[in-house]
């Protein structure tokens, strides 16, 4: 008698809880959520390998595994120690973290077991661990989930991805990327288990099949160990298929916390009385709901489609958008007007091209990098929490930290027409760096309309507008998307996205709900400047009608604003 799907689900959840820690929250000192932090791993790994390489001279009799560790590293970098290049590829970044965790634990144990020389080597490594960045087990689990999200969001071919090959898209072109290493059968099985634990039942089956394919191709995988691994994968696939079909039958193919294929794995179910239901699910077409209330499922679907570069708006809406130069009569803009590209008229979303110079964007990155800490977001109870909803690290910069920051702030004021000083007028510069598959799920920037809002926030008002500057180019992925408005803003170094978060009466404009798409290839840095409401009373005035929207950048009627900004 076969166990029921409910029993199987409980057994799998119990098993997965043992083999992998919970990913509902992120460790405060994680590495995978920031490309900048992972670049540090590249240099640390070289120090590790140098230490191990010295030890090899006196420990030849125990070198089979240790040499494999060193060889794997050298094959991976192929003599090229370019940290930014090595961590730009999510598969290579996964391998980097794996070498720091699973592979290194085995090597470290050998170092501890053999001789006094190895103890000296271990002591040196422990010193490195204490003094600098080091990947831990939770980073490997986070990297696995990031690969799953990338594959799911961008509909990547799992067979190709297991071989380290994937296609990325940005505003202008498609590009094929190839990692230095492919994923082994154990890697694919590891990812499959994480996909199942995270509710990606369809994806779990794909990675399980990839694990079996890789296992059949791996020449070294012969003998009892291979047979055991093959049996484990097949056992997992059997149980995962039953759970997949059970969830599909009871809940449907898609929810905020699960997803399945439209058709069951068990063909007998398809041939039974449910065949018409499954056929209708397969034939369902996506129809975007723009400028209206969206369910969480609809919002997430629009978010992912926009991330992939799909067009959700009609040709008529896109045809109404313009690019233009803006001076507003300001002396600083007469010779070099601001370059404005309309992304949406309702809500008003624009891209300000070449807002900052390369030097200014580099200054923001350099100042922020030593201060990066894991990003948090508002949880259901109004407190700030860390989770996989937002995978990045950020830092806050005050103007007095560097002489360039007041000039950057002044440039932002001139172009947007809003007031950024004193401290009640805008928040400090926030700089964020996104890691493997780094993202920020859909959210609003407005914060005040909450019962537990901080009194200081009530005093300075809500975030009336957002200015988000892209500090780097991103080779693939990493767009900023607005599901309700059908807008995709692609990151370009020095350019910025600007939008109003509130109606003129101060109510939140929910059509500005937005999200940061996963970074598919490259490193994404942004700087956010959130402008507060009450100090804008003379430049962003209240409207005459309920829920009246701002429809342009602030015009240049700014005697009061200039007085406030002279510091």
Protein backbone atom coordinates (compact mmCIF):
# COMPACT_ATOMS: atom_id res chain seq x y z
CA UNK A 1 0.00 0.00 0.00
CA UNK A 2 1.50 3.33 -1.04
CA UNK A 3 1.63 6.16 1.50
CA UNK A 4 -0.85 8.98 0.98
CA UNK A 5 0.31 12.27 -0.59
CA UNK A 6 -0.18 14.01 2.77
CA UNK A 7 2.15 11.55 4.51
CA UNK A 8 4.69 11.87 1.70
CA UNK A 9 4.58 15.66 1.99
CA UNK A 10 5.24 15.50 5.72
CA UNK A 11 8.13 13.08 5.22
CA UNK A 12 9.71 15.26 2.54
CA UNK A 13 9.31 18.44 4.54
CA UNK A 14 10.86 16.72 7.58
CA UNK A 15 13.75 15.45 5.46
CA UNK A 16 14.35 18.82 3.82
CA UNK A 17 14.29 20.61 7.16
CA UNK A 18 17.13 18.34 8.23
CA UNK A 19 19.28 18.69 5.13
CA UNK A 20 18.79 22.42 4.66
CA UNK A 21 18.12 25.28 7.08
CA UNK A 22 15.14 27.58 6.68
CA UNK A 23 15.47 30.28 4.07
CA UNK A 24 12.56 32.36 5.30
CA UNK A 25 15.12 34.68 6.82
CA UNK A 26 18.61 35.75 5.82
CA UNK A 27 21.65 35.68 8.08
CA UNK A 28 22.91 39.12 9.02
CA UNK A 29 26.43 38.29 7.80
CA UNK A 30 25.56 36.39 4.62
CA UNK A 31 27.73 36.66 1.53
CA UNK A 32 25.53 35.48 -1.35
CA UNK A 33 23.24 38.54 -1.24
CA UNK A 34 25.96 40.94 -2.43
CA UNK A 35 28.24 40.68 -5.45
CA UNK A 36 30.61 43.06 -3.71
CA UNK A 37 30.98 40.66 -0.78
CA UNK A 38 31.47 37.71 -3.15
CA UNK A 39 34.29 39.55 -4.88
CA UNK A 40 36.03 39.45 -1.51
CA UNK A 41 35.61 35.68 -1.55
CA UNK A 42 37.58 35.48 -4.79
CA UNK A 43 40.65 37.04 -3.14
CA UNK A 44 40.16 35.06 0.05
CA UNK A 45 39.99 31.86 -1.97
CA UNK A 46 43.40 32.62 -3.46
CA UNK A 47 44.85 32.95 0.06
CA UNK A 48 43.23 29.65 1.02
CA UNK A 49 44.68 27.89 -1.99
CA UNK A 50 48.14 29.37 -1.39
CA UNK A 51 48.03 27.98 2.16
CA UNK A 52 46.88 24.56 1.00
CA UNK A 53 49.44 24.50 -1.80
CA UNK A 54 52.31 25.03 0.69
CA UNK A 55 51.02 22.18 2.80
CA UNK A 56 51.00 19.79 -0.18
CA UNK A 57 54.82 19.59 -0.26
CA UNK A 58 54.97 17.70 3.08
CA UNK A 59 51.73 15.70 2.84
CA UNK A 60 51.82 13.86 -0.50
CA UNK A 61 50.42 10.65 0.99
CA UNK A 62 47.10 12.34 1.87
CA UNK A 63 46.71 14.53 -1.18
CA UNK A 64 44.08 12.82 -3.30
CA UNK A 65 41.22 14.97 -1.98
CA UNK A 66 43.30 18.05 -1.23
CA UNK A 67 44.77 18.09 -4.73
CA UNK A 68 41.29 17.78 -6.13
CA UNK A 69 40.30 20.92 -4.20
CA UNK A 70 43.25 22.86 -5.59
CA UNK A 71 42.76 21.51 -9.13
CA UNK A 72 39.08 22.41 -9.11
CA UNK A 73 39.93 25.97 -8.10
CA UNK A 74 42.59 26.38 -10.78
CA UNK A 75 40.38 24.92 -13.46
CA UNK A 76 37.64 27.29 -12.38
CA UNK A 77 39.65 30.51 -12.61
CA UNK A 78 41.86 29.38 -15.54
CA UNK A 79 44.56 31.77 -14.41
CA UNK A 80 42.21 34.77 -14.50
CA UNK A 81 41.73 36.30 -11.03
CA UNK A 82 39.15 38.90 -12.00
CA UNK A 83 36.76 38.95 -9.05
CA UNK A 84 34.00 40.97 -10.74
CA UNK A 85 34.10 38.70 -13.79
CA UNK A 86 34.11 35.50 -11.72
CA UNK A 87 31.03 36.37 -9.66
CA UNK A 88 29.03 37.94 -12.50
CA UNK A 89 27.92 34.47 -13.63
CA UNK A 90 25.44 32.90 -11.16
CA UNK A 91 26.64 29.33 -11.85
CA UNK A 92 30.29 30.29 -11.23
CA UNK A 93 29.22 32.19 -8.11
CA UNK A 94 27.41 29.06 -6.88
CA UNK A 95 30.59 27.02 -7.40
CA UNK A 96 32.65 29.65 -5.57
CA UNK A 97 30.43 29.37 -2.51
CA UNK A 98 30.33 25.57 -2.79
CA UNK A 99 34.15 25.41 -2.75
CA UNK A 100 34.11 27.57 0.36
CA UNK A 101 31.61 25.33 2.15
CA UNK A 102 31.21 21.68 1.13
CA UNK A 103 34.59 21.22 -0.60
CA UNK A 104 36.54 23.22 1.95
CA UNK A 105 35.12 21.31 4.94
CA UNK A 106 36.52 18.06 3.51
CA UNK A 107 39.90 19.64 2.79
CA UNK A 108 40.03 21.28 6.20
CA UNK A 109 39.39 17.97 7.93
CA UNK A 110 42.33 16.39 6.11
CA UNK A 111 44.53 19.31 7.09
CA UNK A 112 43.58 18.77 10.72
CA UNK A 113 44.29 15.05 10.63
CA UNK A 114 47.71 14.67 9.07
CA UNK A 115 50.59 16.51 10.76
CA UNK A 116 51.94 19.49 12.61
CA UNK A 117 52.47 21.18 9.27
CA UNK A 118 48.79 20.87 8.51
CA UNK A 119 47.93 22.37 11.90
CA UNK A 120 50.02 25.40 11.00
CA UNK A 121 48.13 25.66 7.73
CA UNK A 122 44.80 25.34 9.54
CA UNK A 123 45.77 28.04 12.02
CA UNK A 124 46.59 30.35 9.14
CA UNK A 125 43.21 29.64 7.56
CA UNK A 126 41.41 30.24 10.86
CA UNK A 127 43.12 33.62 11.04
CA UNK A 128 41.82 34.42 7.56
CA UNK A 129 38.33 33.30 8.59
CA UNK A 130 38.35 35.52 11.67
CA UNK A 131 39.64 38.61 9.93
CA UNK A 132 37.77 38.65 6.63
CA UNK A 133 34.75 37.50 4.64
CA UNK A 134 34.11 33.76 4.51
CA UNK A 135 31.21 31.84 2.98
CA UNK A 136 29.13 29.58 5.22
CA UNK A 137 26.50 26.88 4.68
CA UNK A 138 23.61 29.32 4.55
CA UNK A 139 25.32 31.10 1.65
CA UNK A 140 25.29 27.88 -0.38
CA UNK A 141 21.59 27.38 0.37
CA UNK A 142 20.93 30.99 -0.63
CA UNK A 143 22.88 30.53 -3.87
CA UNK A 144 20.78 27.45 -4.71
CA UNK A 145 17.52 29.35 -4.18
CA UNK A 146 18.89 32.21 -6.30
CA UNK A 147 19.56 29.83 -9.21
CA UNK A 148 16.02 28.46 -8.87
CA UNK A 149 14.52 31.95 -8.98
CA UNK A 150 16.63 32.94 -11.96
CA UNK A 151 15.59 29.81 -13.84
CA UNK A 152 11.93 30.35 -12.97
CA UNK A 153 11.77 34.11 -13.61
CA UNK A 154 13.64 34.08 -16.91
CA UNK A 155 12.34 30.65 -18.04
CA UNK A 156 15.87 29.34 -18.51
CA UNK A 157 16.41 25.91 -20.01
CA UNK A 158 17.45 23.68 -17.09
CA UNK A 159 19.45 21.31 -19.28
CA UNK A 160 21.51 24.21 -20.65
CA UNK A 161 21.78 25.84 -17.22
CA UNK A 162 23.15 22.61 -15.72
CA UNK A 163 25.84 22.83 -18.40
CA UNK A 164 26.52 26.42 -17.33
CA UNK A 165 24.90 28.02 -20.38
CA UNK A 166 22.02 30.50 -20.39
CA UNK A 167 20.63 33.38 -22.41
CA UNK A 168 20.16 36.81 -20.91
CA UNK A 169 18.14 39.72 -22.22
CA UNK A 170 18.24 43.45 -21.65
CA UNK A 171 16.68 46.39 -23.44
CA UNK A 172 18.68 46.03 -26.62
CA UNK A 173 19.81 42.45 -27.22
CA UNK A 174 20.02 38.82 -26.21
CA UNK A 175 23.36 37.43 -25.11
CA UNK A 176 24.51 33.88 -24.36
CA UNK A 177 26.63 33.37 -21.25
CA UNK A 178 28.79 30.36 -20.40
CA UNK A 179 30.11 29.55 -16.93
CA UNK A 180 33.58 28.14 -16.30
CA UNK A 181 32.13 24.98 -14.73
CA UNK A 182 28.95 23.04 -15.22
CA UNK A 183 26.77 21.71 -12.41
CA UNK A 184 27.35 18.13 -11.27
CA UNK A 185 24.62 15.58 -10.58
CA UNK A 186 24.97 16.29 -6.86
CA UNK A 187 24.66 20.03 -7.50
CA UNK A 188 21.48 19.51 -9.52
CA UNK A 189 20.04 17.20 -6.85
CA UNK A 190 20.91 19.76 -4.16
CA UNK A 191 19.06 22.46 -6.13
CA UNK A 192 16.10 20.13 -6.78
CA UNK A 193 15.61 19.55 -3.04
CA UNK A 194 15.70 23.28 -2.37
CA UNK A 195 13.19 23.93 -5.14
CA UNK A 196 10.83 21.42 -3.56
CA UNK A 197 11.27 22.94 -0.09
CA UNK A 198 10.49 26.39 -1.49
CA UNK A 199 7.29 25.25 -3.25
CA UNK A 200 8.65 25.18 -6.82
CA UNK A 201 7.32 21.67 -7.48
CA UNK A 202 7.60 21.88 -11.27
CA UNK A 203 11.13 23.25 -11.04
CA UNK A 204 12.10 20.55 -8.54
CA UNK A 205 11.16 17.88 -11.08
CA UNK A 206 13.18 19.62 -13.80
CA UNK A 207 16.29 19.76 -11.62
CA UNK A 208 15.78 16.15 -10.57
CA UNK A 209 15.73 15.10 -14.22
CA UNK A 210 18.85 17.21 -14.81
CA UNK A 211 20.55 15.40 -11.91
CA UNK A 212 19.85 12.02 -13.53
CA UNK A 213 21.15 13.26 -16.90
CA UNK A 214 24.35 14.62 -15.36
CA UNK A 215 24.83 11.40 -13.39
CA UNK A 216 24.66 9.34 -16.58
CA UNK A 217 27.25 11.58 -18.26
CA UNK A 218 29.79 11.69 -15.43
CA UNK A 219 32.53 9.18 -16.26
CA UNK A 220 33.92 9.08 -12.72
CA UNK A 221 30.54 8.16 -11.25
CA UNK A 222 30.76 4.36 -11.25
CA UNK A 223 30.29 1.88 -8.45
CA UNK A 224 28.05 1.56 -5.39
CA UNK A 225 28.15 5.26 -4.47
CA UNK A 226 26.75 6.22 -7.86
CA UNK A 227 24.01 3.63 -7.59
CA UNK A 228 23.04 4.95 -4.16
CA UNK A 229 22.91 8.54 -5.47
CA UNK A 230 20.85 7.43 -8.46
CA UNK A 231 18.41 5.63 -6.18
CA UNK A 232 18.12 8.72 -3.95
CA UNK A 233 17.34 10.93 -6.94
CA UNK A 234 14.73 8.49 -8.28
CA UNK A 235 13.17 8.15 -4.83
CA UNK A 236 12.97 11.95 -4.60
CA UNK A 237 11.48 12.20 -8.10
CA UNK A 238 8.79 9.65 -7.24
CA UNK A 239 7.70 11.46 -4.08
CA UNK A 240 8.00 14.92 -5.66
CA UNK A 241 5.77 13.79 -8.56
CA UNK A 242 3.06 12.60 -6.18
CA UNK A 243 3.16 15.85 -4.19
CA UNK A 244 3.20 17.88 -7.43
CA UNK A 245 0.02 16.18 -8.67
CA UNK A 246 -1.65 16.44 -5.27
CA UNK A 247 -1.00 20.20 -5.09
CA UNK A 248 -2.16 20.67 -8.70
CA UNK A 249 -5.39 18.78 -8.02
CA UNK A 250 -6.24 20.58 -4.76
CA UNK A 251 -4.85 24.11 -5.26
CA UNK A 252 -4.25 24.62 -8.95
CA UNK A 253 -1.00 25.32 -10.77
CA UNK A 254 -0.03 28.64 -9.23
CA UNK A 255 -0.11 30.43 -5.90
CA UNK A 256 2.10 32.84 -3.97
CA UNK A 257 3.83 29.93 -2.21
CA UNK A 258 3.68 27.12 -4.76
CA UNK A 259 3.69 26.38 -8.45
CA UNK A 260 3.24 23.27 -10.58
CA UNK A 261 2.94 22.35 -14.23
CA UNK A 262 -0.50 22.69 -15.81
CA UNK A 263 -0.69 18.93 -16.36
CA UNK A 264 -0.12 16.15 -13.82
CA UNK A 265 2.98 13.96 -13.96
CA UNK A 266 0.82 10.86 -13.55
CA UNK A 267 -0.83 10.43 -16.96
CA UNK A 268 -3.56 8.27 -15.40
CA UNK A 269 -4.88 11.40 -13.70
CA UNK A 270 -4.95 13.19 -17.03
CA UNK A 271 -6.99 10.40 -18.57
CA UNK A 272 -9.47 10.35 -15.69
CA UNK A 273 -12.47 12.63 -15.22
CA UNK A 274 -10.19 15.63 -14.59
CA UNK A 275 -8.90 15.79 -18.17
CA UNK A 276 -11.13 18.71 -19.15
CA UNK A 277 -9.94 20.71 -16.15
CA UNK A 278 -6.27 20.14 -16.99
CA UNK A 279 -6.84 20.98 -20.64
CA UNK A 280 -8.48 24.28 -19.67
CA UNK A 281 -5.55 25.10 -17.39
CA UNK A 282 -3.13 24.46 -20.25
CA UNK A 283 -5.07 26.74 -22.58
CA UNK A 284 -5.36 29.70 -20.19
CA UNK A 285 -3.83 32.86 -21.64
CA UNK A 286 -2.36 35.69 -19.64
CA UNK A 287 -4.22 38.99 -19.87
CA UNK A 288 -2.47 41.87 -18.09
CA UNK A 289 -4.56 43.92 -15.66
CA UNK A 290 -3.08 47.39 -15.88
CA UNK A 291 -4.14 50.45 -13.86
CA UNK A 292 -6.44 48.39 -11.64
CA UNK A 293 -6.33 46.22 -8.53
CA UNK A 294 -4.26 43.08 -9.02
CA UNK A 295 -4.21 39.93 -6.94
CA UNK A 296 -0.83 38.79 -5.61
CA UNK A 297 -0.70 36.07 -8.28
CA UNK A 298 -1.52 38.54 -11.07
CA UNK A 299 1.00 41.03 -9.77
CA UNK A 300 3.74 38.41 -9.56
CA UNK A 301 2.97 37.17 -13.08
CA UNK A 302 3.17 40.71 -14.47
CA UNK A 303 6.40 41.30 -12.51
CA UNK A 304 8.09 38.24 -14.02
CA UNK A 305 6.91 38.95 -17.56
CA UNK A 306 8.18 42.53 -17.36
CA UNK A 307 11.50 41.22 -16.02
CA UNK A 308 11.80 39.09 -19.15
CA UNK A 309 11.25 42.16 -21.32
CA UNK A 310 7.70 41.35 -22.41
CA UNK A 311 5.45 44.23 -23.45
CA UNK A 312 2.21 44.43 -21.43
CA UNK A 313 0.92 47.80 -22.65
CA UNK A 314 -0.89 48.58 -25.86
CA UNK A 315 0.87 50.20 -28.79
CA UNK A 316 -1.37 53.24 -28.31
CA UNK A 317 -0.08 53.83 -24.78
CA UNK A 318 3.56 53.44 -25.82
CA UNK A 319 3.05 55.79 -28.78
CA UNK A 320 2.04 58.61 -26.42
CA UNK A 321 5.41 58.59 -24.62
CA UNK A 322 8.11 61.11 -25.50
CA UNK A 323 11.76 61.93 -24.92
CA UNK A 324 12.60 65.58 -24.35
CA UNK A 325 15.15 68.00 -22.92
CA UNK A 326 14.21 69.94 -19.78
CA UNK A 327 15.68 73.22 -18.54
CA UNK A 328 12.78 74.74 -16.55
CA UNK A 329 14.69 78.02 -16.88
CA UNK A 330 17.35 76.92 -14.40
CA UNK A 331 20.79 78.37 -15.22
CA UNK A 332 22.55 75.06 -14.58
CA UNK A 333 20.40 73.35 -17.22
CA UNK A 334 20.47 75.98 -19.97
CA UNK A 335 23.66 74.72 -21.64
CA UNK A 336 23.17 71.07 -20.70
CA UNK A 337 19.45 70.29 -20.31
CA UNK A 338 18.24 67.24 -18.44
CA UNK A 339 17.51 64.27 -20.71
CA UNK A 340 14.05 62.96 -19.81
CA UNK A 341 12.50 59.79 -21.22
CA UNK A 342 8.87 59.20 -20.32
CA UNK A 343 8.15 55.63 -19.21
CA UNK A 344 4.58 56.26 -18.09
CA UNK A 345 2.20 59.22 -17.97
CA UNK A 346 -0.12 57.72 -15.34
CA UNK A 347 1.56 57.19 -12.96
CA UNK A 348 4.29 59.62 -13.97
CA UNK A 349 7.51 57.60 -14.28
CA UNK A 350 10.55 58.94 -16.14
CA UNK A 351 14.16 57.96 -16.74
CA UNK A 352 16.68 60.78 -16.34
CA UNK A 353 19.56 59.87 -18.61
CA UNK A 354 23.14 60.79 -17.65
CA UNK A 355 22.02 62.30 -14.36
CA UNK A 356 25.39 61.54 -12.73
CA UNK A 357 28.88 61.18 -14.19
CA UNK A 358 30.94 57.99 -14.01
CA UNK A 359 33.11 59.64 -11.37
CA UNK A 360 30.09 60.47 -9.21
CA UNK A 361 28.63 56.95 -9.45
CA UNK A 362 32.03 55.46 -8.60
CA UNK A 363 32.32 57.72 -5.54
CA UNK A 364 28.97 56.48 -4.21
CA UNK A 365 30.03 52.85 -4.67
CA UNK A 366 33.44 53.32 -3.10
CA UNK A 367 32.02 55.06 -0.04
CA UNK A 368 29.31 52.45 0.45
CA UNK A 369 31.30 49.26 -0.11
CA UNK A 370 33.01 49.06 3.32
CA UNK A 371 29.67 49.70 5.06
CA UNK A 372 27.45 47.18 3.25
CA UNK A 373 25.04 45.24 5.48
CA UNK A 374 22.22 42.85 4.61
CA UNK A 375 19.13 44.74 3.44
CA UNK A 376 15.87 44.53 5.36
CA UNK A 377 12.28 45.33 4.46
CA UNK A 378 9.02 45.99 6.26
CA UNK A 379 7.39 42.80 7.49
CA UNK A 380 3.68 42.13 8.01
CA UNK A 381 3.87 43.47 11.57
CA UNK A 382 5.51 46.75 10.53
CA UNK A 383 8.99 45.84 11.78
CA UNK A 384 12.04 45.57 9.54
CA UNK A 385 13.09 41.99 8.75
CA UNK A 386 15.56 40.17 6.49
CA UNK A 387 14.25 37.56 4.06
CA UNK A 388 14.54 36.16 0.53
CA UNK A 389 12.01 38.81 -0.59
CA UNK A 390 14.95 41.23 -0.72
CA UNK A 391 18.40 39.82 -1.44
CA UNK A 392 20.93 42.62 -1.40
CA UNK A 393 23.20 44.57 0.91
CA UNK A 394 22.99 48.29 1.48
CA UNK A 395 24.69 51.19 3.20
CA UNK A 396 23.64 54.70 4.17
CA UNK A 397 25.80 57.72 3.35
CA UNK A 398 25.60 61.14 4.97
CA UNK A 399 26.61 64.21 3.00
CA UNK A 400 29.47 65.14 5.34
CA UNK A 401 31.29 61.88 4.56
CA UNK A 402 32.73 63.15 1.29
CA UNK A 403 33.04 66.49 -0.49
CA UNK A 404 31.43 65.08 -3.64
CA UNK A 405 28.12 64.20 -1.98
CA UNK A 406 26.72 67.76 -1.65
CA UNK A 407 27.39 68.30 -5.37
CA UNK A 408 25.61 65.05 -6.21
CA UNK A 409 22.66 66.06 -4.05
CA UNK A 410 22.57 69.51 -5.65
CA UNK A 411 22.53 67.96 -9.13
CA UNK A 412 19.54 65.83 -8.12
CA UNK A 413 17.72 68.89 -6.76
CA UNK A 414 18.26 70.90 -9.92
CA UNK A 415 17.01 68.19 -12.26
CA UNK A 416 13.99 67.05 -10.23
CA UNK A 417 13.04 70.48 -8.86
CA UNK A 418 12.49 69.10 -5.36
CA UNK A 419 14.07 70.06 -2.04
CA UNK A 420 16.61 67.67 -0.53
CA UNK A 421 17.84 69.69 2.46
CA UNK A 422 17.53 70.06 5.44
CA UNK A 423 17.44 66.48 6.77
CA UNK A 424 13.65 66.62 7.07
CA UNK A 425 13.38 67.04 3.28
CA UNK A 426 15.01 63.79 2.17
CA UNK A 427 16.70 60.70 3.54
CA UNK A 428 20.42 60.02 3.35
CA UNK A 429 21.82 58.34 0.26
CA UNK A 430 21.06 54.63 0.35
CA UNK A 431 23.41 52.51 -1.78
CA UNK A 432 22.51 48.88 -2.51
CA UNK A 433 24.41 46.02 -4.14
CA UNK A 434 22.61 42.90 -5.36
CA UNK A 435 24.08 39.39 -5.20
CA UNK A 436 23.41 36.11 -7.03
CA UNK A 437 19.94 36.52 -8.50
CA UNK A 438 19.61 39.65 -6.35
CA UNK A 439 16.07 41.03 -6.29
CA UNK A 440 13.48 42.96 -4.32
CA UNK A 441 9.95 41.64 -4.75
CA UNK A 442 7.10 44.06 -5.47
CA UNK A 443 6.56 46.72 -2.82
CA UNK A 444 5.70 50.37 -2.33
CA UNK A 445 8.13 53.04 -1.14
CA UNK A 446 5.50 54.91 0.88
CA UNK A 447 5.64 54.02 4.58
CA UNK A 448 3.61 56.45 6.68
CA UNK A 449 0.11 54.98 6.34
CA UNK A 450 0.78 52.33 8.97
CA UNK A 451 -0.55 52.22 12.51
CA UNK A 452 2.91 51.89 14.07
CA UNK A 453 4.65 54.61 12.04
CA UNK A 454 7.54 56.26 13.87
CA UNK A 455 6.65 59.78 15.19
CA UNK A 456 9.63 61.27 13.34
CA UNK A 457 8.30 59.91 10.06
CA UNK A 458 4.91 61.47 10.79
CA UNK A 459 6.71 64.77 11.40
CA UNK A 460 8.57 64.82 8.06
CA UNK A 461 5.85 63.17 5.98
CA UNK A 462 5.78 60.16 3.71
CA UNK A 463 8.11 59.44 0.79
CA UNK A 464 6.48 61.67 -1.80
CA UNK A 465 8.92 60.67 -4.56
CA UNK A 466 11.77 58.27 -5.32
CA UNK A 467 14.93 58.95 -7.29
CA UNK A 468 16.86 55.75 -7.99
CA UNK A 469 20.23 56.11 -9.69
CA UNK A 470 21.86 53.14 -11.43
CA UNK A 471 25.54 53.08 -10.45
CA UNK A 472 26.52 50.26 -12.84
CA UNK A 473 25.49 48.73 -16.11
CA UNK A 474 23.98 45.24 -15.76
CA UNK A 475 24.67 42.77 -18.56
CA UNK A 476 21.42 40.83 -18.13
CA UNK A 477 18.41 41.16 -15.83
CA UNK A 478 18.17 43.58 -12.92
CA UNK A 479 15.44 45.82 -14.36
CA UNK A 480 13.07 47.90 -12.22
CA UNK A 481 9.46 47.04 -13.12
CA UNK A 482 6.02 48.44 -12.26
CA UNK A 483 3.41 45.64 -12.68
CA UNK A 484 0.35 47.92 -12.43
CA UNK A 485 1.70 50.36 -15.00
CA UNK A 486 3.40 47.85 -17.32
CA UNK A 487 6.74 49.69 -17.09
CA UNK A 488 10.26 48.25 -17.32
CA UNK A 489 13.27 50.47 -16.56
CA UNK A 490 16.59 48.90 -17.59
CA UNK A 491 19.69 49.80 -15.56
CA UNK A 492 22.20 52.09 -17.27
CA UNK A 493 25.13 53.56 -15.37
CA UNK A 494 24.56 57.20 -14.43
CA UNK A 495 20.88 57.22 -15.38
CA UNK A 496 18.04 57.33 -12.86
CA UNK A 497 14.39 56.39 -12.55
CA UNK A 498 12.08 58.97 -10.94
CA UNK A 499 8.47 58.59 -9.87
CA UNK A 500 5.89 60.01 -7.47
CA UNK A 501 4.79 57.65 -4.67
CA UNK A 502 1.84 59.74 -3.49
CA UNK A 503 -1.21 61.51 -4.85
CA UNK A 504 -1.24 65.26 -4.34
CA UNK A 505 -3.39 64.79 -1.22
CA UNK A 506 -0.72 62.56 0.35
CA UNK A 507 -2.44 59.20 -0.17
CA UNK A 508 -0.24 56.34 -1.49
CA UNK A 509 -0.48 55.73 -5.23
CA UNK A 510 -0.59 51.93 -5.50
CA UNK A 511 0.01 52.04 -9.26
CA UNK A 512 3.65 52.74 -8.35
CA UNK A 513 4.10 49.31 -6.77
CA UNK A 514 7.43 48.15 -8.17
CA UNK A 515 10.11 45.52 -7.83
CA UNK A 516 13.76 44.87 -8.66
CA UNK A 517 14.18 41.95 -11.07
CA UNK A 518 16.76 39.25 -10.32
CA UNK A 519 20.25 40.01 -11.62
CA UNK A 520 20.94 37.32 -14.22
CA UNK A 521 24.49 38.30 -15.09
CA UNK A 522 26.69 41.05 -13.71
CA UNK A 523 26.68 43.26 -10.65
CA UNK A 524 23.93 45.75 -9.89
CA UNK A 525 24.51 48.84 -7.75
CA UNK A 526 21.87 51.51 -7.18
CA UNK A 527 21.55 54.59 -5.02
CA UNK A 528 18.14 55.60 -3.71
CA UNK A 529 17.18 59.09 -2.64
CA UNK A 530 13.76 59.25 -0.99
CA UNK A 531 12.21 62.72 -0.86
CA UNK A 532 9.95 63.48 2.08
CA UNK A 533 6.59 65.15 1.79
CA UNK A 534 6.19 68.18 4.03
CA UNK A 535 9.25 70.22 3.00
CA UNK A 536 7.96 70.10 -0.59
CA UNK A 537 4.80 72.08 0.26
CA UNK A 538 5.75 75.05 -1.95
CA UNK A 539 7.15 73.08 -4.90
CA UNK A 540 4.87 70.02 -4.98
CA UNK A 541 1.57 71.54 -3.94
CA UNK A 542 -1.68 69.85 -2.98
CA UNK A 543 -4.25 69.36 -5.73
CA UNK A 544 -7.79 70.67 -6.08
CA UNK A 545 -9.36 67.25 -6.57
CA UNK A 546 -9.39 64.00 -4.62
CA UNK A 547 -6.64 61.59 -5.75
CA UNK A 548 -5.19 64.11 -8.19
CA UNK A 549 -1.80 62.94 -9.47
CA UNK A 550 1.49 64.68 -10.17
CA UNK A 551 1.96 64.57 -13.92
CA UNK A 552 5.41 66.10 -14.47
CA UNK A 553 8.68 67.06 -12.88
CA UNK A 554 8.33 70.14 -10.70
CA UNK A 555 8.30 73.39 -12.77
CA UNK A 556 10.91 76.05 -12.01
CA UNK A 557 9.04 78.43 -9.70
CA UNK A 558 11.55 77.99 -6.93
CA UNK A 559 12.59 81.06 -4.94
CA UNK A 560 11.74 79.20 -1.72
CA UNK A 561 13.44 76.04 -2.92
CA UNK A 562 16.66 77.84 -3.80
CA UNK A 563 16.77 79.40 -0.35
CA UNK A 564 16.35 75.98 1.28
CA UNK A 565 19.07 74.38 -0.85
CA UNK A 566 21.94 76.83 -0.35
CA UNK A 567 24.14 74.71 1.89
